[in-house]
């Protein structure tokens, strides 16, 4: 499926942006894959991976990619406008309100609580999407191993993200490239000549 119009694209990303407080991965996946069916799980995982390594917010990068895919440059701009217009207005209003109460212990406790909720949302979405790696040409085991190594590098060893992306990400890309080439050469040998 695809967006029915450019206005559908704009309002869908506006609605998506208004639902996302702190972590939007779970919301984006549910809206774009399960409800709207604009992407399959595999397409979402691939596009999200690209969106994460590009500079800027992940969901903004994803909106640009999807807008461009369906409506070209103008679609990319409309999806971006949908992602940014209403949140910008809300943030400006909240800044004006928050500056007067930011030192209150209740407000600081609420912020810490929201951080825990966001971490839970991201973890739940990751577990939900894990089935998408079963069709990955690298294989389920290698994908899980790469995820574990990345977690250790970032969360436990606290290595800079740029080095993790270059080292582990670069190695994963090279391995995936070899796996895809092997798969293509194998399927070329198996197919009967036409």
N, C-alpha and C. Protein backbone atom coordinates (compact mmCIF):
# COMPACT_ATOMS: atom_id res chain seq x y z
N UNK A 1 0.84 -1.18 0.00
CA UNK A 1 0.00 0.00 0.00
C UNK A 1 0.89 1.25 0.00
N UNK A 2 0.26 2.38 -0.23
CA UNK A 2 0.98 3.64 -0.26
C UNK A 2 0.06 4.76 0.23
N UNK A 3 0.60 5.93 0.56
CA UNK A 3 -0.26 7.05 0.95
C UNK A 3 -1.22 7.38 -0.19
N UNK A 4 -2.45 7.71 0.15
CA UNK A 4 -3.45 7.98 -0.88
C UNK A 4 -3.23 9.33 -1.56
N UNK A 5 -2.55 10.25 -0.89
CA UNK A 5 -2.29 11.57 -1.47
C UNK A 5 -1.15 12.23 -0.69
N UNK A 6 -0.73 13.37 -1.18
CA UNK A 6 0.31 14.12 -0.47
C UNK A 6 -0.21 14.64 0.87
N UNK A 7 -1.50 15.00 0.90
CA UNK A 7 -2.05 15.46 2.17
C UNK A 7 -2.14 14.30 3.17
N UNK A 8 -2.41 13.09 2.69
CA UNK A 8 -2.40 11.91 3.56
C UNK A 8 -1.01 11.72 4.15
N UNK A 9 0.01 11.91 3.33
CA UNK A 9 1.40 11.81 3.80
C UNK A 9 1.68 12.85 4.88
N UNK A 10 1.31 14.12 4.62
CA UNK A 10 1.55 15.19 5.59
C UNK A 10 0.83 14.92 6.91
N UNK A 11 -0.48 14.63 6.86
CA UNK A 11 -1.25 14.44 8.08
C UNK A 11 -0.85 13.17 8.81
N UNK A 12 -0.45 12.14 8.09
CA UNK A 12 0.00 10.91 8.75
C UNK A 12 1.27 11.16 9.55
N UNK A 13 2.22 11.89 8.96
CA UNK A 13 3.44 12.18 9.70
C UNK A 13 3.21 13.22 10.79
N UNK A 14 2.24 14.11 10.60
CA UNK A 14 1.89 15.04 11.67
C UNK A 14 1.33 14.26 12.87
N UNK A 15 0.44 13.33 12.60
CA UNK A 15 -0.15 12.52 13.66
C UNK A 15 0.91 11.67 14.34
N UNK A 16 1.82 11.13 13.55
CA UNK A 16 2.90 10.33 14.09
C UNK A 16 3.78 11.18 15.01
N UNK A 17 4.10 12.38 14.58
CA UNK A 17 4.94 13.26 15.38
C UNK A 17 4.27 13.67 16.68
N UNK A 18 2.96 13.85 16.65
CA UNK A 18 2.25 14.25 17.87
C UNK A 18 2.13 13.11 18.88
N UNK A 19 2.32 11.87 18.43
CA UNK A 19 2.26 10.72 19.35
C UNK A 19 3.60 10.42 19.99
N UNK A 20 4.67 10.91 19.42
CA UNK A 20 6.01 10.52 19.87
C UNK A 20 6.59 11.44 20.90
N UNK A 21 6.66 10.97 22.13
CA UNK A 21 7.29 11.74 23.20
C UNK A 21 8.52 10.99 23.66
N UNK A 22 9.70 11.43 23.23
CA UNK A 22 10.94 10.83 23.68
C UNK A 22 11.41 9.70 22.80
N UNK A 23 10.61 8.72 22.56
CA UNK A 23 11.00 7.60 21.72
C UNK A 23 9.84 7.22 20.82
N UNK A 24 10.05 7.33 19.53
CA UNK A 24 8.95 7.12 18.60
C UNK A 24 9.06 5.81 17.84
N UNK A 25 10.09 5.04 18.08
CA UNK A 25 10.29 3.81 17.31
C UNK A 25 9.07 2.90 17.35
N UNK A 26 8.54 2.68 18.54
CA UNK A 26 7.38 1.79 18.67
C UNK A 26 6.17 2.34 17.92
N UNK A 27 5.98 3.63 18.00
CA UNK A 27 4.83 4.27 17.36
C UNK A 27 4.99 4.26 15.85
N UNK A 28 6.17 4.59 15.38
CA UNK A 28 6.43 4.62 13.94
C UNK A 28 6.22 3.24 13.34
N UNK A 29 6.77 2.22 13.99
CA UNK A 29 6.63 0.85 13.48
C UNK A 29 5.16 0.45 13.43
N UNK A 30 4.42 0.72 14.48
CA UNK A 30 3.01 0.34 14.52
C UNK A 30 2.20 1.07 13.44
N UNK A 31 2.42 2.36 13.30
CA UNK A 31 1.66 3.15 12.33
C UNK A 31 2.00 2.79 10.88
N UNK A 32 3.30 2.74 10.56
CA UNK A 32 3.70 2.56 9.17
C UNK A 32 3.63 1.12 8.69
N UNK A 33 3.86 0.17 9.60
CA UNK A 33 3.88 -1.25 9.21
C UNK A 33 2.55 -1.92 9.47
N UNK A 34 2.03 -1.78 10.68
CA UNK A 34 0.85 -2.54 11.05
C UNK A 34 -0.45 -1.85 10.63
N UNK A 35 -0.56 -0.55 10.83
CA UNK A 35 -1.82 0.13 10.53
C UNK A 35 -1.91 0.55 9.06
N UNK A 36 -0.97 1.35 8.60
CA UNK A 36 -1.05 1.89 7.25
C UNK A 36 -0.52 0.93 6.19
N UNK A 37 0.36 0.00 6.60
CA UNK A 37 0.96 -0.98 5.70
C UNK A 37 1.71 -0.33 4.53
N UNK A 38 2.35 0.81 4.80
CA UNK A 38 3.17 1.46 3.79
C UNK A 38 4.48 0.73 3.62
N UNK A 39 4.91 -0.01 4.65
CA UNK A 39 6.16 -0.77 4.62
C UNK A 39 5.92 -2.16 5.20
N UNK A 40 6.69 -3.14 4.73
CA UNK A 40 6.70 -4.44 5.40
C UNK A 40 7.66 -4.35 6.58
N UNK A 41 7.65 -5.35 7.44
CA UNK A 41 8.60 -5.33 8.58
C UNK A 41 10.03 -5.27 8.10
N UNK A 42 10.32 -6.05 7.06
CA UNK A 42 11.69 -6.08 6.54
C UNK A 42 12.08 -4.73 5.96
N UNK A 43 11.18 -4.11 5.20
CA UNK A 43 11.46 -2.78 4.66
C UNK A 43 11.66 -1.76 5.78
N UNK A 44 10.84 -1.87 6.82
CA UNK A 44 10.96 -0.94 7.94
C UNK A 44 12.32 -1.09 8.62
N UNK A 45 12.73 -2.33 8.88
CA UNK A 45 14.02 -2.56 9.54
C UNK A 45 15.16 -2.01 8.68
N UNK A 46 15.10 -2.25 7.36
CA UNK A 46 16.14 -1.75 6.47
C UNK A 46 16.15 -0.22 6.43
N UNK A 47 14.97 0.39 6.27
CA UNK A 47 14.90 1.85 6.21
C UNK A 47 15.29 2.48 7.54
N UNK A 48 14.88 1.86 8.65
CA UNK A 48 15.23 2.41 9.97
C UNK A 48 16.73 2.35 10.19
N UNK A 49 17.37 1.26 9.71
CA UNK A 49 18.82 1.15 9.84
C UNK A 49 19.52 2.28 9.08
N UNK A 50 19.05 2.57 7.87
CA UNK A 50 19.64 3.67 7.11
C UNK A 50 19.37 5.00 7.81
N UNK A 51 18.15 5.19 8.30
CA UNK A 51 17.78 6.44 8.98
C UNK A 51 18.64 6.67 10.22
N UNK A 52 19.05 5.60 10.88
CA UNK A 52 19.86 5.74 12.10
C UNK A 52 21.28 6.17 11.81
N UNK A 53 21.83 5.77 10.68
CA UNK A 53 23.23 6.12 10.44
C UNK A 53 23.38 7.48 9.75
N UNK A 54 22.27 8.02 9.25
CA UNK A 54 22.32 9.37 8.67
C UNK A 54 22.34 10.41 9.78
N UNK A 55 22.95 11.56 9.53
CA UNK A 55 22.92 12.61 10.56
C UNK A 55 21.51 13.14 10.75
N UNK A 56 21.18 13.47 11.98
CA UNK A 56 19.86 14.02 12.29
C UNK A 56 18.97 13.00 12.99
N UNK A 57 17.80 13.43 13.39
CA UNK A 57 16.87 12.52 14.09
C UNK A 57 16.40 11.39 13.18
N UNK A 58 16.39 10.18 13.72
CA UNK A 58 16.04 8.98 12.95
C UNK A 58 14.69 9.09 12.27
N UNK A 59 13.68 9.49 13.01
CA UNK A 59 12.33 9.50 12.45
C UNK A 59 12.17 10.58 11.39
N UNK A 60 12.91 11.67 11.51
CA UNK A 60 12.88 12.71 10.48
C UNK A 60 13.53 12.16 9.20
N UNK A 61 14.64 11.48 9.35
CA UNK A 61 15.29 10.85 8.19
C UNK A 61 14.35 9.85 7.52
N UNK A 62 13.66 9.05 8.33
CA UNK A 62 12.73 8.06 7.79
C UNK A 62 11.58 8.75 7.05
N UNK A 63 11.06 9.83 7.61
CA UNK A 63 9.97 10.54 6.94
C UNK A 63 10.42 11.07 5.59
N UNK A 64 11.64 11.61 5.51
CA UNK A 64 12.17 12.08 4.24
C UNK A 64 12.27 10.94 3.24
N UNK A 65 12.76 9.78 3.67
CA UNK A 65 12.92 8.64 2.78
C UNK A 65 11.57 8.16 2.25
N UNK A 66 10.59 8.06 3.13
CA UNK A 66 9.27 7.56 2.71
C UNK A 66 8.57 8.58 1.82
N UNK A 67 8.63 9.86 2.19
CA UNK A 67 8.04 10.90 1.35
C UNK A 67 8.64 10.91 -0.04
N UNK A 68 9.96 10.76 -0.12
CA UNK A 68 10.63 10.72 -1.41
C UNK A 68 10.25 9.47 -2.21
N UNK A 69 10.14 8.36 -1.53
CA UNK A 69 9.80 7.10 -2.21
C UNK A 69 8.46 7.19 -2.92
N UNK A 70 7.47 7.81 -2.29
CA UNK A 70 6.13 7.82 -2.86
C UNK A 70 5.82 9.05 -3.72
N UNK A 71 6.42 10.22 -3.38
CA UNK A 71 6.06 11.45 -4.10
C UNK A 71 7.27 12.30 -4.47
N UNK A 72 8.44 11.74 -4.47
CA UNK A 72 9.63 12.48 -4.87
C UNK A 72 10.00 13.58 -3.88
N UNK A 73 10.66 14.59 -4.41
CA UNK A 73 11.18 15.68 -3.58
C UNK A 73 10.07 16.40 -2.82
N UNK A 74 8.95 16.68 -3.49
CA UNK A 74 7.86 17.38 -2.81
C UNK A 74 7.26 16.52 -1.70
N UNK A 75 7.21 15.21 -1.90
CA UNK A 75 6.74 14.31 -0.85
C UNK A 75 7.67 14.30 0.35
N UNK A 76 8.98 14.34 0.07
CA UNK A 76 9.95 14.40 1.16
C UNK A 76 9.76 15.67 1.99
N UNK A 77 9.57 16.79 1.31
CA UNK A 77 9.36 18.06 2.02
C UNK A 77 8.06 18.05 2.82
N UNK A 78 7.00 17.48 2.24
CA UNK A 78 5.72 17.42 2.96
C UNK A 78 5.80 16.51 4.19
N UNK A 79 6.46 15.36 4.05
CA UNK A 79 6.62 14.46 5.19
C UNK A 79 7.45 15.15 6.29
N UNK A 80 8.49 15.86 5.88
CA UNK A 80 9.31 16.61 6.84
C UNK A 80 8.49 17.69 7.53
N UNK A 81 7.68 18.41 6.76
CA UNK A 81 6.82 19.45 7.35
C UNK A 81 5.84 18.83 8.33
N UNK A 82 5.30 17.67 7.98
CA UNK A 82 4.40 16.98 8.89
C UNK A 82 5.08 16.58 10.19
N UNK A 83 6.33 16.16 10.10
CA UNK A 83 7.07 15.76 11.29
C UNK A 83 7.43 16.94 12.19
N UNK A 84 7.60 18.12 11.62
CA UNK A 84 8.17 19.22 12.40
C UNK A 84 7.20 20.34 12.79
N UNK A 85 6.16 20.57 12.03
CA UNK A 85 5.32 21.75 12.25
C UNK A 85 4.67 21.76 13.64
N UNK A 86 3.85 20.77 13.94
CA UNK A 86 3.12 20.78 15.21
C UNK A 86 4.02 20.55 16.42
N UNK A 87 5.01 19.63 16.35
CA UNK A 87 5.92 19.51 17.50
C UNK A 87 6.69 20.80 17.79
N UNK A 88 7.06 21.54 16.75
CA UNK A 88 7.76 22.80 16.97
C UNK A 88 6.88 23.78 17.74
N UNK A 89 5.64 23.88 17.35
CA UNK A 89 4.72 24.78 18.05
C UNK A 89 4.52 24.34 19.51
N UNK A 90 4.38 23.05 19.72
CA UNK A 90 4.20 22.53 21.08
C UNK A 90 5.44 22.77 21.94
N UNK A 91 6.62 22.52 21.36
CA UNK A 91 7.87 22.71 22.12
C UNK A 91 8.05 24.17 22.51
N UNK A 92 7.74 25.07 21.60
CA UNK A 92 7.86 26.50 21.93
C UNK A 92 6.93 26.87 23.08
N UNK A 93 5.72 26.32 23.08
CA UNK A 93 4.79 26.59 24.18
C UNK A 93 5.28 25.96 25.48
N UNK A 94 5.80 24.75 25.41
CA UNK A 94 6.29 24.07 26.62
C UNK A 94 7.51 24.76 27.22
N UNK A 95 8.39 25.27 26.37
CA UNK A 95 9.57 25.98 26.87
C UNK A 95 9.13 27.18 27.70
N UNK A 96 8.15 27.87 27.21
CA UNK A 96 7.65 29.03 27.95
C UNK A 96 7.07 28.61 29.30
N UNK A 97 6.36 27.48 29.34
CA UNK A 97 5.76 27.00 30.59
C UNK A 97 6.77 26.34 31.52
N UNK A 98 7.69 25.55 30.96
CA UNK A 98 8.62 24.74 31.74
C UNK A 98 9.66 25.58 32.47
N UNK A 99 10.02 26.71 31.90
CA UNK A 99 11.08 27.52 32.51
C UNK A 99 10.72 27.95 33.94
N UNK A 100 9.45 28.05 34.25
CA UNK A 100 9.04 28.47 35.59
C UNK A 100 8.99 27.34 36.61
N UNK A 101 8.93 26.08 36.16
CA UNK A 101 8.77 24.96 37.11
C UNK A 101 9.88 23.92 37.01
N UNK A 102 10.91 24.17 36.23
CA UNK A 102 11.93 23.14 35.98
C UNK A 102 12.72 22.74 37.23
N UNK A 103 12.79 23.59 38.25
CA UNK A 103 13.55 23.28 39.45
C UNK A 103 12.77 22.48 40.49
N UNK A 104 11.48 22.29 40.28
CA UNK A 104 10.67 21.53 41.24
C UNK A 104 11.04 20.05 41.24
N UNK A 105 11.18 19.43 42.42
CA UNK A 105 11.54 18.01 42.48
C UNK A 105 10.51 17.11 41.79
N UNK A 106 9.24 17.48 41.85
CA UNK A 106 8.20 16.67 41.20
C UNK A 106 8.40 16.64 39.68
N UNK A 107 8.77 17.76 39.10
CA UNK A 107 8.99 17.84 37.66
C UNK A 107 10.23 17.03 37.28
N UNK A 108 11.28 17.12 38.08
CA UNK A 108 12.50 16.36 37.79
C UNK A 108 12.24 14.86 37.91
N UNK A 109 11.43 14.46 38.89
CA UNK A 109 11.07 13.04 39.03
C UNK A 109 10.22 12.56 37.86
N UNK A 110 9.33 13.40 37.40
CA UNK A 110 8.50 13.04 36.23
C UNK A 110 9.37 12.83 35.00
N UNK A 111 10.39 13.65 34.83
CA UNK A 111 11.29 13.51 33.68
C UNK A 111 12.07 12.20 33.75
N UNK A 112 12.53 11.82 34.94
CA UNK A 112 13.23 10.54 35.08
C UNK A 112 12.30 9.37 34.79
N UNK A 113 11.06 9.47 35.23
CA UNK A 113 10.08 8.43 34.96
C UNK A 113 9.79 8.28 33.47
N UNK A 114 9.71 9.39 32.76
CA UNK A 114 9.49 9.34 31.31
C UNK A 114 10.66 8.67 30.60
N UNK A 115 11.87 8.88 31.09
CA UNK A 115 13.04 8.24 30.50
C UNK A 115 12.96 6.72 30.60
N UNK A 116 12.48 6.22 31.74
CA UNK A 116 12.32 4.76 31.91
C UNK A 116 11.26 4.20 30.97
N UNK A 117 10.18 4.94 30.79
CA UNK A 117 9.12 4.50 29.87
C UNK A 117 9.64 4.43 28.44
N UNK A 118 10.40 5.42 28.03
CA UNK A 118 10.95 5.44 26.67
C UNK A 118 11.89 4.25 26.46
N UNK A 119 12.73 3.96 27.44
CA UNK A 119 13.62 2.80 27.33
C UNK A 119 12.81 1.50 27.18
N UNK A 120 11.73 1.39 27.91
CA UNK A 120 10.86 0.21 27.79
C UNK A 120 10.22 0.11 26.42
N UNK A 121 9.77 1.24 25.87
CA UNK A 121 9.17 1.25 24.53
C UNK A 121 10.16 0.79 23.46
N UNK A 122 11.39 1.28 23.55
CA UNK A 122 12.41 0.92 22.57
C UNK A 122 12.73 -0.57 22.67
N UNK A 123 12.86 -1.08 23.89
CA UNK A 123 13.15 -2.50 24.08
C UNK A 123 12.01 -3.37 23.55
N UNK A 124 10.77 -3.00 23.85
CA UNK A 124 9.62 -3.78 23.39
C UNK A 124 9.54 -3.81 21.87
N UNK A 125 9.81 -2.68 21.23
CA UNK A 125 9.77 -2.64 19.76
C UNK A 125 10.89 -3.48 19.16
N UNK A 126 12.06 -3.42 19.75
CA UNK A 126 13.16 -4.26 19.28
C UNK A 126 12.82 -5.73 19.35
N UNK A 127 12.20 -6.15 20.45
CA UNK A 127 11.79 -7.55 20.58
C UNK A 127 10.70 -7.91 19.58
N UNK A 128 9.82 -6.96 19.30
CA UNK A 128 8.74 -7.20 18.34
C UNK A 128 9.27 -7.35 16.92
N UNK A 129 10.32 -6.60 16.60
CA UNK A 129 10.87 -6.63 15.25
C UNK A 129 11.91 -7.72 15.02
N UNK A 130 12.25 -8.45 16.06
CA UNK A 130 13.31 -9.45 15.94
C UNK A 130 12.97 -10.53 14.91
N UNK A 131 11.68 -10.77 14.68
CA UNK A 131 11.31 -11.79 13.70
C UNK A 131 11.70 -11.37 12.28
N UNK A 132 11.87 -10.09 12.03
CA UNK A 132 12.23 -9.61 10.69
C UNK A 132 13.63 -10.04 10.30
N UNK A 133 14.52 -10.32 11.27
CA UNK A 133 15.88 -10.71 10.91
C UNK A 133 15.98 -12.18 10.51
N UNK A 134 14.91 -12.93 10.66
CA UNK A 134 14.95 -14.33 10.25
C UNK A 134 15.13 -14.47 8.74
N UNK A 135 14.68 -13.49 7.97
CA UNK A 135 14.83 -13.54 6.52
C UNK A 135 16.10 -12.82 6.06
N UNK A 136 16.91 -12.35 7.00
CA UNK A 136 18.14 -11.65 6.66
C UNK A 136 19.14 -12.63 6.05
N UNK A 137 19.80 -12.26 4.96
CA UNK A 137 20.75 -13.18 4.32
C UNK A 137 21.96 -13.54 5.19
N UNK A 138 22.25 -12.74 6.22
CA UNK A 138 23.38 -13.06 7.10
C UNK A 138 23.04 -14.21 8.04
N UNK A 139 21.75 -14.44 8.26
CA UNK A 139 21.34 -15.50 9.18
C UNK A 139 21.01 -14.94 10.55
N UNK A 140 20.11 -15.62 11.21
CA UNK A 140 19.61 -15.19 12.51
C UNK A 140 20.73 -15.13 13.56
N UNK A 141 21.58 -16.15 13.57
CA UNK A 141 22.65 -16.22 14.58
C UNK A 141 23.63 -15.07 14.47
N UNK A 142 24.07 -14.76 13.25
CA UNK A 142 25.02 -13.66 13.04
C UNK A 142 24.38 -12.33 13.42
N UNK A 143 23.11 -12.14 13.05
CA UNK A 143 22.41 -10.89 13.40
C UNK A 143 22.34 -10.72 14.92
N UNK A 144 22.00 -11.79 15.63
CA UNK A 144 21.94 -11.72 17.10
C UNK A 144 23.32 -11.45 17.70
N UNK A 145 24.34 -12.08 17.14
CA UNK A 145 25.71 -11.86 17.62
C UNK A 145 26.12 -10.40 17.40
N UNK A 146 25.83 -9.85 16.23
CA UNK A 146 26.15 -8.44 15.97
C UNK A 146 25.41 -7.51 16.92
N UNK A 147 24.13 -7.83 17.19
CA UNK A 147 23.36 -7.01 18.14
C UNK A 147 23.99 -7.06 19.53
N UNK A 148 24.40 -8.25 19.96
CA UNK A 148 25.01 -8.40 21.28
C UNK A 148 26.34 -7.66 21.37
N UNK A 149 27.16 -7.78 20.33
CA UNK A 149 28.45 -7.08 20.32
C UNK A 149 28.23 -5.57 20.35
N UNK A 150 27.26 -5.09 19.59
CA UNK A 150 26.96 -3.66 19.57
C UNK A 150 26.49 -3.18 20.94
N UNK A 151 25.63 -3.97 21.58
CA UNK A 151 25.15 -3.61 22.92
C UNK A 151 26.31 -3.50 23.90
N UNK A 152 27.20 -4.50 23.88
CA UNK A 152 28.36 -4.48 24.79
C UNK A 152 29.24 -3.26 24.50
N UNK A 153 29.49 -2.98 23.22
CA UNK A 153 30.36 -1.87 22.84
C UNK A 153 29.80 -0.53 23.29
N UNK A 154 28.48 -0.34 23.10
CA UNK A 154 27.89 0.96 23.41
C UNK A 154 27.50 1.08 24.88
N UNK A 155 26.75 0.10 25.38
CA UNK A 155 26.19 0.21 26.73
C UNK A 155 27.19 -0.10 27.83
N UNK A 156 28.07 -1.08 27.61
CA UNK A 156 28.96 -1.48 28.69
C UNK A 156 30.36 -0.86 28.56
N UNK A 157 30.93 -0.91 27.36
CA UNK A 157 32.26 -0.36 27.16
C UNK A 157 32.23 1.14 26.88
N UNK A 158 31.04 1.66 26.56
CA UNK A 158 30.83 3.08 26.29
C UNK A 158 31.76 3.62 25.20
N UNK A 159 31.92 2.82 24.15
CA UNK A 159 32.72 3.26 23.02
C UNK A 159 31.94 4.33 22.25
N UNK A 160 32.64 5.27 21.64
CA UNK A 160 31.95 6.30 20.86
C UNK A 160 31.14 5.67 19.72
N UNK A 161 29.94 6.19 19.52
CA UNK A 161 29.03 5.63 18.53
C UNK A 161 29.64 5.64 17.13
N UNK A 162 30.39 6.68 16.80
CA UNK A 162 31.01 6.76 15.47
C UNK A 162 31.94 5.57 15.24
N UNK A 163 32.72 5.19 16.25
CA UNK A 163 33.64 4.06 16.10
C UNK A 163 32.88 2.74 16.03
N UNK A 164 31.81 2.64 16.78
CA UNK A 164 30.99 1.41 16.72
C UNK A 164 30.37 1.27 15.34
N UNK A 165 29.84 2.37 14.80
CA UNK A 165 29.26 2.33 13.46
C UNK A 165 30.30 1.97 12.41
N UNK A 166 31.47 2.58 12.51
CA UNK A 166 32.52 2.29 11.53
C UNK A 166 33.04 0.86 11.67
N UNK A 167 33.30 0.43 12.90
CA UNK A 167 33.87 -0.90 13.12
C UNK A 167 32.88 -2.02 12.94
N UNK A 168 31.90 -2.07 13.82
CA UNK A 168 30.92 -3.16 13.78
C UNK A 168 29.99 -3.00 12.57
N UNK A 169 29.53 -1.77 12.34
CA UNK A 169 28.65 -1.54 11.19
C UNK A 169 29.33 -1.82 9.87
N UNK A 170 30.57 -1.37 9.73
CA UNK A 170 31.32 -1.64 8.51
C UNK A 170 31.55 -3.13 8.29
N UNK A 171 31.90 -3.83 9.37
CA UNK A 171 32.09 -5.29 9.28
C UNK A 171 30.78 -5.99 8.90
N UNK A 172 29.68 -5.54 9.51
CA UNK A 172 28.37 -6.13 9.20
C UNK A 172 27.99 -5.88 7.74
N UNK A 173 28.27 -4.68 7.23
CA UNK A 173 27.98 -4.38 5.83
C UNK A 173 28.80 -5.27 4.90
N UNK A 174 30.08 -5.43 5.20
CA UNK A 174 30.93 -6.28 4.37
C UNK A 174 30.45 -7.74 4.40
N UNK A 175 30.07 -8.22 5.59
CA UNK A 175 29.58 -9.59 5.70
C UNK A 175 28.26 -9.75 4.96
N UNK A 176 27.37 -8.78 5.08
CA UNK A 176 26.07 -8.83 4.39
C UNK A 176 26.28 -8.81 2.88
N UNK A 177 27.22 -8.01 2.41
CA UNK A 177 27.52 -7.96 0.98
C UNK A 177 27.98 -9.32 0.48
N UNK A 178 28.89 -9.95 1.23
CA UNK A 178 29.37 -11.29 0.85
C UNK A 178 28.23 -12.31 0.88
N UNK A 179 27.38 -12.22 1.89
CA UNK A 179 26.25 -13.17 2.00
C UNK A 179 25.28 -12.99 0.84
N UNK A 180 25.01 -11.75 0.45
CA UNK A 180 24.11 -11.48 -0.68
C UNK A 180 24.72 -11.96 -1.99
N UNK A 181 26.00 -11.74 -2.18
CA UNK A 181 26.66 -12.22 -3.41
C UNK A 181 26.64 -13.72 -3.48
N UNK A 182 26.90 -14.36 -2.34
CA UNK A 182 26.86 -15.83 -2.30
C UNK A 182 25.46 -16.35 -2.61
N UNK A 183 24.46 -15.70 -2.06
CA UNK A 183 23.06 -16.08 -2.29
C UNK A 183 22.69 -15.89 -3.77
N UNK A 184 23.13 -14.78 -4.36
CA UNK A 184 22.83 -14.53 -5.77
C UNK A 184 23.53 -15.53 -6.68
N UNK A 185 24.78 -15.85 -6.40
CA UNK A 185 25.49 -16.80 -7.24
C UNK A 185 24.90 -18.20 -7.09
N UNK A 186 24.45 -18.53 -5.89
CA UNK A 186 23.81 -19.83 -5.67
C UNK A 186 22.48 -19.91 -6.41
N UNK A 187 21.68 -18.85 -6.36
CA UNK A 187 20.39 -18.88 -7.05
C UNK A 187 20.58 -18.86 -8.57
N UNK A 188 21.67 -18.25 -9.07
CA UNK A 188 21.94 -18.25 -10.50
C UNK A 188 22.30 -19.65 -10.99
N UNK A 189 23.00 -20.43 -10.12
CA UNK A 189 23.35 -21.81 -10.49
C UNK A 189 22.15 -22.73 -10.43
N UNK A 190 21.20 -22.45 -9.56
CA UNK A 190 20.05 -23.32 -9.36
C UNK A 190 19.00 -23.11 -10.45
N UNK A 191 18.81 -21.86 -10.92
CA UNK A 191 17.76 -21.57 -11.91
C UNK A 191 18.10 -22.21 -13.24
N UNK A 192 17.13 -22.88 -13.86
CA UNK A 192 17.38 -23.46 -15.19
C UNK A 192 17.47 -22.36 -16.25
N UNK A 193 18.28 -22.55 -17.28
CA UNK A 193 18.39 -21.53 -18.32
C UNK A 193 17.09 -21.38 -19.09
N UNK A 194 16.82 -20.17 -19.53
CA UNK A 194 15.58 -19.88 -20.25
C UNK A 194 15.82 -19.90 -21.75
